[in-house]
N, C-alpha and C. Protein backbone atom coordinates (compact mmCIF):
# COMPACT_ATOMS: atom_id res chain seq x y z
N UNK A 1 -42.68 -71.21 61.95
CA UNK A 1 -42.60 -70.22 62.99
C UNK A 1 -43.17 -70.74 64.32
N UNK A 2 -42.40 -70.66 65.38
CA UNK A 2 -42.86 -71.23 66.73
C UNK A 2 -44.08 -70.57 67.19
N UNK A 3 -45.07 -71.23 67.82
CA UNK A 3 -46.29 -70.77 68.43
C UNK A 3 -46.11 -70.98 69.96
N UNK A 4 -46.63 -70.02 70.65
CA UNK A 4 -46.61 -70.04 72.16
C UNK A 4 -48.05 -70.16 72.71
N UNK A 5 -48.21 -70.99 73.67
CA UNK A 5 -49.52 -71.16 74.31
C UNK A 5 -49.24 -71.08 75.80
N UNK A 6 -50.22 -70.78 76.54
CA UNK A 6 -50.12 -70.51 78.04
C UNK A 6 -51.21 -71.46 78.67
N UNK A 7 -50.87 -72.25 79.54
CA UNK A 7 -51.83 -73.07 80.41
C UNK A 7 -51.46 -72.94 81.85
N UNK A 8 -52.25 -73.80 82.54
CA UNK A 8 -52.13 -73.84 84.04
C UNK A 8 -51.26 -75.07 84.35
N UNK A 9 -50.01 -74.93 85.00
CA UNK A 9 -49.22 -76.13 85.38
C UNK A 9 -49.91 -76.90 86.50
N UNK A 10 -50.22 -78.06 86.25
CA UNK A 10 -50.74 -78.98 87.20
C UNK A 10 -49.60 -79.68 87.99
N UNK A 11 -48.74 -80.27 87.20
CA UNK A 11 -47.40 -80.76 87.76
C UNK A 11 -46.31 -80.08 86.96
N UNK A 12 -45.70 -79.01 87.46
CA UNK A 12 -44.81 -78.19 86.75
C UNK A 12 -43.45 -78.83 86.36
N UNK A 13 -42.71 -78.31 85.37
CA UNK A 13 -41.56 -78.84 85.04
C UNK A 13 -41.07 -78.29 83.64
N UNK A 14 -39.79 -78.49 83.42
CA UNK A 14 -39.13 -78.00 82.13
C UNK A 14 -38.77 -79.28 81.40
N UNK A 15 -39.31 -79.37 80.23
CA UNK A 15 -38.89 -80.51 79.34
C UNK A 15 -39.14 -80.19 77.86
N UNK A 16 -38.65 -80.92 77.04
CA UNK A 16 -39.01 -80.77 75.57
C UNK A 16 -39.13 -82.22 75.01
N UNK A 17 -39.79 -82.30 74.02
CA UNK A 17 -39.92 -83.55 73.22
C UNK A 17 -40.84 -83.61 71.93
N UNK A 18 -41.29 -84.79 71.57
CA UNK A 18 -42.04 -84.95 70.40
C UNK A 18 -43.58 -85.16 70.94
N UNK A 19 -44.39 -84.46 70.04
CA UNK A 19 -45.82 -84.61 70.22
C UNK A 19 -46.40 -85.75 69.66
N UNK A 20 -47.44 -86.30 70.40
CA UNK A 20 -48.40 -87.18 69.81
C UNK A 20 -49.85 -86.52 70.24
N UNK A 21 -50.68 -86.59 69.18
CA UNK A 21 -51.96 -85.70 69.39
C UNK A 21 -53.18 -86.67 69.26
N UNK A 22 -54.08 -86.47 70.20
CA UNK A 22 -55.36 -86.98 70.29
C UNK A 22 -56.46 -85.99 70.22
N UNK A 23 -57.36 -85.92 69.15
CA UNK A 23 -58.42 -84.91 69.28
C UNK A 23 -59.63 -85.36 69.93
N UNK A 24 -59.53 -86.57 70.46
CA UNK A 24 -60.79 -87.04 71.21
C UNK A 24 -60.23 -87.37 72.60
N UNK A 25 -61.18 -87.76 73.54
CA UNK A 25 -60.76 -88.14 74.75
C UNK A 25 -59.88 -89.35 74.81
N UNK A 26 -58.87 -89.42 75.67
CA UNK A 26 -58.05 -90.51 75.68
C UNK A 26 -58.46 -91.52 76.80
N UNK A 27 -58.88 -92.80 76.41
CA UNK A 27 -59.14 -93.73 77.42
C UNK A 27 -57.85 -94.24 78.08
N UNK A 28 -57.70 -93.92 79.24
CA UNK A 28 -56.32 -94.29 79.90
C UNK A 28 -56.18 -95.93 80.03
N UNK A 29 -57.34 -96.47 80.50
CA UNK A 29 -57.31 -97.99 80.61
C UNK A 29 -57.07 -98.60 79.39
N UNK A 30 -57.88 -98.21 78.36
CA UNK A 30 -57.73 -99.03 77.01
C UNK A 30 -56.33 -98.66 76.31
N UNK A 31 -55.83 -97.61 76.71
CA UNK A 31 -54.60 -97.05 75.91
C UNK A 31 -53.45 -97.76 76.59
N UNK A 32 -53.31 -97.74 77.84
CA UNK A 32 -52.07 -98.19 78.59
C UNK A 32 -52.12 -99.58 79.32
N UNK A 33 -53.33 -100.11 79.51
CA UNK A 33 -53.42 -101.48 80.39
C UNK A 33 -52.70 -102.68 79.71
N UNK A 34 -52.76 -102.71 78.36
CA UNK A 34 -52.13 -103.79 77.82
C UNK A 34 -50.57 -103.81 77.97
N UNK A 35 -50.07 -102.66 77.78
CA UNK A 35 -48.57 -102.49 78.02
C UNK A 35 -48.06 -102.76 79.45
N UNK A 36 -49.03 -102.15 80.34
CA UNK A 36 -48.58 -102.33 81.83
C UNK A 36 -48.67 -103.81 82.27
N UNK A 37 -49.76 -104.47 81.76
CA UNK A 37 -49.83 -105.88 82.10
C UNK A 37 -48.72 -106.73 81.53
N UNK A 38 -48.26 -106.46 80.42
CA UNK A 38 -47.10 -107.25 79.71
C UNK A 38 -45.91 -106.79 80.32
N UNK A 39 -45.72 -105.66 81.09
CA UNK A 39 -44.63 -105.03 81.58
C UNK A 39 -43.68 -104.84 80.43
N UNK A 40 -44.17 -104.20 79.37
CA UNK A 40 -43.54 -103.94 78.00
C UNK A 40 -42.39 -102.82 78.39
N UNK A 41 -41.61 -102.83 77.38
CA UNK A 41 -40.40 -101.73 77.51
C UNK A 41 -40.87 -100.34 76.97
N UNK A 42 -41.95 -100.36 76.20
CA UNK A 42 -42.49 -99.16 75.66
C UNK A 42 -44.01 -99.32 75.55
N UNK A 43 -44.76 -98.20 75.77
CA UNK A 43 -46.17 -98.28 75.68
C UNK A 43 -46.55 -97.98 74.11
N UNK A 44 -47.34 -98.88 73.62
CA UNK A 44 -48.06 -98.69 72.35
C UNK A 44 -49.40 -98.60 72.56
N UNK A 45 -50.07 -97.62 72.07
CA UNK A 45 -51.52 -97.30 72.24
C UNK A 45 -52.29 -98.59 71.84
N UNK A 46 -53.09 -99.14 72.69
CA UNK A 46 -53.80 -100.39 72.46
C UNK A 46 -55.26 -100.16 72.37
N UNK A 47 -55.82 -98.82 72.30
CA UNK A 47 -57.21 -98.52 72.17
C UNK A 47 -57.54 -98.26 70.74
N UNK A 48 -58.09 -99.30 70.26
CA UNK A 48 -58.47 -99.18 68.74
C UNK A 48 -59.71 -98.26 68.48
N UNK A 49 -60.26 -97.66 69.51
CA UNK A 49 -61.35 -96.77 69.36
C UNK A 49 -60.73 -95.31 69.26
N UNK A 50 -59.45 -95.15 69.49
CA UNK A 50 -58.76 -93.82 69.34
C UNK A 50 -58.01 -93.83 68.03
N UNK A 51 -58.45 -93.34 66.98
CA UNK A 51 -57.95 -93.50 65.61
C UNK A 51 -56.80 -92.59 65.57
N UNK A 52 -56.63 -91.67 66.36
CA UNK A 52 -55.42 -90.74 66.41
C UNK A 52 -54.16 -91.43 67.02
N UNK A 53 -54.36 -92.19 67.91
CA UNK A 53 -53.31 -92.72 68.69
C UNK A 53 -53.05 -94.22 68.56
N UNK A 54 -54.09 -95.05 68.14
CA UNK A 54 -53.88 -96.57 68.04
C UNK A 54 -52.67 -96.93 67.30
N UNK A 55 -51.91 -97.71 68.04
CA UNK A 55 -50.68 -98.37 67.54
C UNK A 55 -49.48 -97.41 67.53
N UNK A 56 -49.51 -96.30 68.14
CA UNK A 56 -48.55 -95.27 68.15
C UNK A 56 -47.73 -95.48 69.52
N UNK A 57 -46.41 -95.29 69.55
CA UNK A 57 -45.62 -95.25 70.76
C UNK A 57 -45.88 -94.08 71.52
N UNK A 58 -46.16 -94.24 72.82
CA UNK A 58 -46.49 -93.17 73.72
C UNK A 58 -45.32 -92.91 74.79
N UNK A 59 -44.34 -93.73 75.05
CA UNK A 59 -43.36 -93.71 75.93
C UNK A 59 -42.48 -92.45 75.54
N UNK A 60 -42.23 -91.65 76.62
CA UNK A 60 -41.33 -90.43 76.42
C UNK A 60 -41.81 -89.37 75.45
N UNK A 61 -43.08 -89.53 74.97
CA UNK A 61 -43.71 -88.49 74.16
C UNK A 61 -44.41 -87.51 74.96
N UNK A 62 -44.80 -86.29 74.28
CA UNK A 62 -45.68 -85.38 74.88
C UNK A 62 -47.01 -85.63 74.34
N UNK A 63 -47.99 -86.11 75.23
CA UNK A 63 -49.38 -86.34 74.70
C UNK A 63 -50.27 -85.18 74.70
N UNK A 64 -50.73 -84.70 73.64
CA UNK A 64 -51.54 -83.57 73.55
C UNK A 64 -53.01 -84.01 73.41
N UNK A 65 -53.92 -83.55 74.26
CA UNK A 65 -55.35 -84.14 74.21
C UNK A 65 -56.30 -83.13 74.83
N UNK A 66 -57.56 -83.35 74.55
CA UNK A 66 -58.51 -82.55 75.34
C UNK A 66 -58.80 -82.98 76.70
N UNK A 67 -58.85 -84.31 77.05
CA UNK A 67 -59.21 -84.85 78.26
C UNK A 67 -59.04 -86.33 78.27
N UNK A 68 -59.07 -86.99 79.44
CA UNK A 68 -59.13 -88.52 79.49
C UNK A 68 -60.52 -89.00 79.83
N UNK A 69 -60.79 -90.20 79.40
CA UNK A 69 -61.99 -90.80 79.65
C UNK A 69 -61.94 -92.19 80.01
N UNK A 70 -62.98 -92.81 80.53
CA UNK A 70 -62.90 -94.28 80.77
C UNK A 70 -63.07 -94.68 82.30
N UNK A 71 -62.52 -95.82 82.50
CA UNK A 71 -62.82 -96.41 83.82
C UNK A 71 -62.16 -95.57 85.05
N UNK A 72 -62.73 -95.79 86.24
CA UNK A 72 -62.05 -95.21 87.28
C UNK A 72 -60.74 -95.83 87.72
N UNK A 73 -60.43 -96.91 87.17
CA UNK A 73 -58.96 -97.50 87.43
C UNK A 73 -58.01 -96.89 86.55
N UNK A 74 -58.29 -95.94 85.75
CA UNK A 74 -57.50 -95.33 84.71
C UNK A 74 -56.12 -94.59 85.37
N UNK A 75 -56.48 -94.04 86.52
CA UNK A 75 -55.43 -93.35 87.29
C UNK A 75 -54.30 -94.34 87.72
N UNK A 76 -54.83 -95.45 88.28
CA UNK A 76 -53.88 -96.50 88.78
C UNK A 76 -53.16 -97.09 87.45
N UNK A 77 -53.62 -97.17 86.47
CA UNK A 77 -52.83 -97.66 85.18
C UNK A 77 -51.82 -96.59 84.66
N UNK A 78 -52.23 -95.29 84.84
CA UNK A 78 -51.22 -94.36 84.52
C UNK A 78 -50.14 -94.34 85.53
N UNK A 79 -50.39 -94.55 86.77
CA UNK A 79 -49.45 -94.62 87.80
C UNK A 79 -48.54 -95.87 87.66
N UNK A 80 -49.16 -97.03 87.21
CA UNK A 80 -48.47 -98.26 86.95
C UNK A 80 -47.27 -98.20 85.66
N UNK A 81 -47.81 -97.44 84.78
CA UNK A 81 -46.75 -97.32 83.57
C UNK A 81 -45.61 -96.29 84.02
N UNK A 82 -45.98 -95.40 84.80
CA UNK A 82 -44.87 -94.48 85.37
C UNK A 82 -43.96 -95.27 86.15
N UNK A 83 -44.56 -96.20 87.06
CA UNK A 83 -43.65 -97.10 87.78
C UNK A 83 -42.67 -98.03 86.88
N UNK A 84 -43.31 -98.48 85.82
CA UNK A 84 -42.41 -99.29 84.96
C UNK A 84 -41.42 -98.38 84.09
N UNK A 85 -41.53 -97.05 84.22
CA UNK A 85 -40.68 -96.23 83.50
C UNK A 85 -40.88 -95.99 81.96
N UNK A 86 -42.21 -96.28 81.63
CA UNK A 86 -42.63 -96.28 80.21
C UNK A 86 -43.62 -95.27 79.99
N UNK A 87 -43.86 -94.34 80.89
CA UNK A 87 -44.85 -93.32 80.84
C UNK A 87 -44.57 -92.25 79.82
N UNK A 88 -45.47 -91.46 79.53
CA UNK A 88 -45.20 -90.26 78.55
C UNK A 88 -44.35 -89.20 79.46
N UNK A 89 -43.64 -88.32 78.73
CA UNK A 89 -42.81 -87.38 79.26
C UNK A 89 -43.78 -86.19 79.90
N UNK A 90 -44.92 -85.96 79.18
CA UNK A 90 -45.69 -84.86 79.60
C UNK A 90 -47.21 -85.13 79.00
N UNK A 91 -48.08 -84.58 79.64
CA UNK A 91 -49.45 -84.62 79.11
C UNK A 91 -50.01 -83.11 79.10
N UNK A 92 -50.44 -82.73 77.96
CA UNK A 92 -50.93 -81.34 77.79
C UNK A 92 -52.38 -81.32 77.30
N UNK A 93 -53.21 -80.67 78.12
CA UNK A 93 -54.65 -80.75 78.00
C UNK A 93 -55.21 -79.40 77.51
N UNK A 94 -56.05 -79.56 76.47
CA UNK A 94 -56.71 -78.34 76.09
C UNK A 94 -57.86 -77.83 77.02
N UNK A 95 -58.30 -78.90 77.73
CA UNK A 95 -59.41 -78.56 78.67
C UNK A 95 -58.86 -78.65 80.01
N UNK A 96 -59.71 -78.46 81.11
CA UNK A 96 -59.30 -78.66 82.50
C UNK A 96 -58.95 -80.19 82.64
N UNK A 97 -57.92 -80.52 83.29
CA UNK A 97 -57.65 -81.92 83.69
C UNK A 97 -58.86 -82.47 84.38
N UNK A 98 -59.09 -83.78 83.98
CA UNK A 98 -60.05 -84.54 84.72
C UNK A 98 -59.56 -85.39 85.95
N UNK A 99 -60.44 -85.92 86.65
CA UNK A 99 -60.09 -86.61 87.88
C UNK A 99 -59.37 -88.00 87.58
N UNK A 100 -59.66 -88.63 86.37
CA UNK A 100 -58.78 -89.78 86.08
C UNK A 100 -57.42 -89.51 85.91
N UNK A 101 -57.03 -88.54 84.99
CA UNK A 101 -55.69 -88.13 84.81
C UNK A 101 -55.01 -87.58 85.95
N UNK A 102 -55.76 -86.65 86.72
CA UNK A 102 -55.23 -86.09 87.89
C UNK A 102 -54.71 -87.09 88.93
N UNK A 103 -55.62 -88.06 89.09
CA UNK A 103 -55.17 -89.16 90.04
C UNK A 103 -53.94 -89.89 89.68
N UNK A 104 -53.76 -90.22 88.48
CA UNK A 104 -52.74 -91.00 87.87
C UNK A 104 -51.31 -90.08 87.94
N UNK A 105 -51.40 -88.92 87.62
CA UNK A 105 -50.14 -88.10 87.59
C UNK A 105 -49.72 -87.84 88.91
N UNK A 106 -50.65 -87.52 89.80
CA UNK A 106 -50.39 -87.12 91.27
C UNK A 106 -49.83 -88.28 91.99
N UNK A 107 -50.42 -89.54 91.74
CA UNK A 107 -50.02 -90.74 92.35
C UNK A 107 -48.53 -91.04 91.97
N UNK A 108 -48.24 -91.01 90.64
CA UNK A 108 -46.90 -91.21 90.22
C UNK A 108 -45.92 -90.22 90.70
N UNK A 109 -46.26 -89.06 90.96
CA UNK A 109 -45.39 -87.99 91.42
C UNK A 109 -45.20 -88.13 92.83
N UNK A 110 -46.19 -88.32 93.64
CA UNK A 110 -46.01 -88.45 95.12
C UNK A 110 -45.50 -89.76 95.60
N UNK A 111 -46.11 -90.92 95.09
CA UNK A 111 -45.62 -92.17 95.55
C UNK A 111 -44.38 -92.70 94.89
N UNK A 112 -44.17 -92.19 93.72
CA UNK A 112 -43.05 -92.79 92.95
C UNK A 112 -42.10 -91.89 92.76
N UNK A 113 -42.10 -90.57 92.89
CA UNK A 113 -41.18 -89.42 92.39
C UNK A 113 -40.93 -89.66 90.98
N UNK A 114 -41.97 -89.99 90.13
CA UNK A 114 -41.71 -90.05 88.78
C UNK A 114 -42.95 -88.95 88.10
N UNK A 115 -42.41 -88.00 87.81
CA UNK A 115 -43.31 -86.85 87.39
C UNK A 115 -43.60 -86.82 85.88
N UNK A 116 -44.91 -86.87 85.66
CA UNK A 116 -45.30 -86.74 84.25
C UNK A 116 -45.72 -85.33 84.34
N UNK A 117 -44.92 -84.38 83.56
CA UNK A 117 -45.21 -83.03 83.63
C UNK A 117 -46.64 -82.82 83.00
N UNK A 118 -47.50 -81.93 83.72
CA UNK A 118 -48.88 -81.90 83.12
C UNK A 118 -49.38 -80.44 83.16
N UNK A 119 -49.79 -80.00 82.09
CA UNK A 119 -50.45 -78.57 81.95
C UNK A 119 -51.84 -78.72 81.31
N UNK A 120 -52.71 -77.94 81.97
CA UNK A 120 -54.12 -78.05 81.38
C UNK A 120 -54.49 -76.60 80.89
N UNK A 121 -55.77 -76.46 80.42
CA UNK A 121 -56.45 -75.29 80.00
C UNK A 121 -55.60 -74.45 78.94
N UNK A 122 -55.00 -75.28 77.95
CA UNK A 122 -54.31 -74.78 76.91
C UNK A 122 -55.28 -74.21 75.88
N UNK A 123 -56.49 -74.64 75.70
CA UNK A 123 -57.50 -74.12 74.93
C UNK A 123 -57.66 -74.87 73.63
N UNK A 124 -58.80 -74.61 72.98
CA UNK A 124 -59.03 -75.30 71.62
C UNK A 124 -57.99 -74.92 70.58
N UNK A 125 -57.56 -73.75 70.53
CA UNK A 125 -56.61 -73.26 69.42
C UNK A 125 -55.40 -73.89 69.53
N UNK A 126 -54.78 -74.44 70.85
CA UNK A 126 -53.74 -75.35 70.96
C UNK A 126 -53.87 -76.50 70.35
N UNK A 127 -54.99 -77.19 70.61
CA UNK A 127 -55.27 -78.59 70.01
C UNK A 127 -55.45 -78.64 68.65
N UNK A 128 -56.08 -77.51 68.02
CA UNK A 128 -56.18 -77.29 66.62
C UNK A 128 -54.80 -77.11 65.94
N UNK A 129 -53.87 -76.61 66.52
CA UNK A 129 -52.62 -76.16 65.91
C UNK A 129 -51.53 -77.36 65.88
N UNK A 130 -51.53 -78.02 67.25
CA UNK A 130 -50.56 -79.10 67.37
C UNK A 130 -50.69 -80.36 66.48
N UNK A 131 -49.63 -80.84 65.96
CA UNK A 131 -49.73 -82.01 65.04
C UNK A 131 -48.68 -83.06 65.66
N UNK A 132 -48.89 -84.30 65.27
CA UNK A 132 -47.86 -85.37 65.57
C UNK A 132 -46.45 -84.96 65.07
N UNK A 133 -45.50 -85.28 65.92
CA UNK A 133 -44.12 -85.10 65.49
C UNK A 133 -43.59 -83.74 65.67
N UNK A 134 -44.40 -82.81 66.20
CA UNK A 134 -43.86 -81.41 66.39
C UNK A 134 -42.85 -81.39 67.58
N UNK A 135 -42.03 -80.53 67.63
CA UNK A 135 -41.07 -80.43 68.72
C UNK A 135 -41.78 -79.40 69.68
N UNK A 136 -41.96 -79.83 71.01
CA UNK A 136 -42.75 -79.02 72.05
C UNK A 136 -41.74 -78.81 73.06
N UNK A 137 -41.67 -77.58 73.60
CA UNK A 137 -40.89 -77.15 74.82
C UNK A 137 -41.94 -76.72 75.84
N UNK A 138 -41.70 -77.19 77.05
CA UNK A 138 -42.61 -76.92 78.22
C UNK A 138 -41.76 -76.19 79.24
N UNK A 139 -42.31 -75.08 79.77
CA UNK A 139 -41.69 -74.30 80.96
C UNK A 139 -42.43 -74.51 82.17
N UNK A 140 -41.80 -74.36 83.35
CA UNK A 140 -42.50 -74.54 84.70
C UNK A 140 -43.68 -73.78 84.77
N UNK A 141 -43.79 -72.50 84.20
CA UNK A 141 -44.97 -71.57 84.33
C UNK A 141 -46.05 -71.97 83.48
N UNK A 142 -46.06 -72.97 82.80
CA UNK A 142 -47.14 -73.45 81.86
C UNK A 142 -47.07 -72.93 80.49
N UNK A 143 -45.93 -72.25 80.16
CA UNK A 143 -45.76 -71.73 78.78
C UNK A 143 -45.36 -72.98 77.94
N UNK A 144 -46.11 -73.12 76.76
CA UNK A 144 -45.80 -74.10 75.84
C UNK A 144 -45.31 -73.58 74.48
N UNK A 145 -44.17 -74.04 74.01
CA UNK A 145 -43.69 -73.58 72.65
C UNK A 145 -43.79 -74.74 71.73
N UNK A 146 -44.41 -74.58 70.47
CA UNK A 146 -44.64 -75.63 69.55
C UNK A 146 -43.98 -75.16 68.26
N UNK A 147 -42.99 -75.93 67.74
CA UNK A 147 -42.19 -75.62 66.66
C UNK A 147 -42.79 -76.54 65.53
N UNK A 148 -42.85 -75.94 64.27
CA UNK A 148 -43.33 -76.68 63.08
C UNK A 148 -42.44 -77.86 62.72
């Protein structure tokens, strides 16, 4: 049965895709930098401290997470992978978006016209429910549908 969640659209849009889920903070720098520096064709999570995402493909996925953590350069790395066209399709936060992720998605959107749809404040129940590989639909108003 499909579950519906409502969050705050930070960068609105309509899309659908497959989920990848991190139940811990996502270190943007450790996750994306290796792929960005190699100018890879896809992002494979290189943060071995994130047991949920390590070695998983993140390009064109919908990343579900509580928040991002790490270096202040994280936003620029997120913008760089968007520029390379290998970024995630969307980022869905259970908590309020943090400044690192906000900087990266806004830079990609404003400077590059490469929108990473972003919704925050989806709540703990969202992150407890969603699992890797589920089909997720995102509406411009921040409504998220998760199919089993």
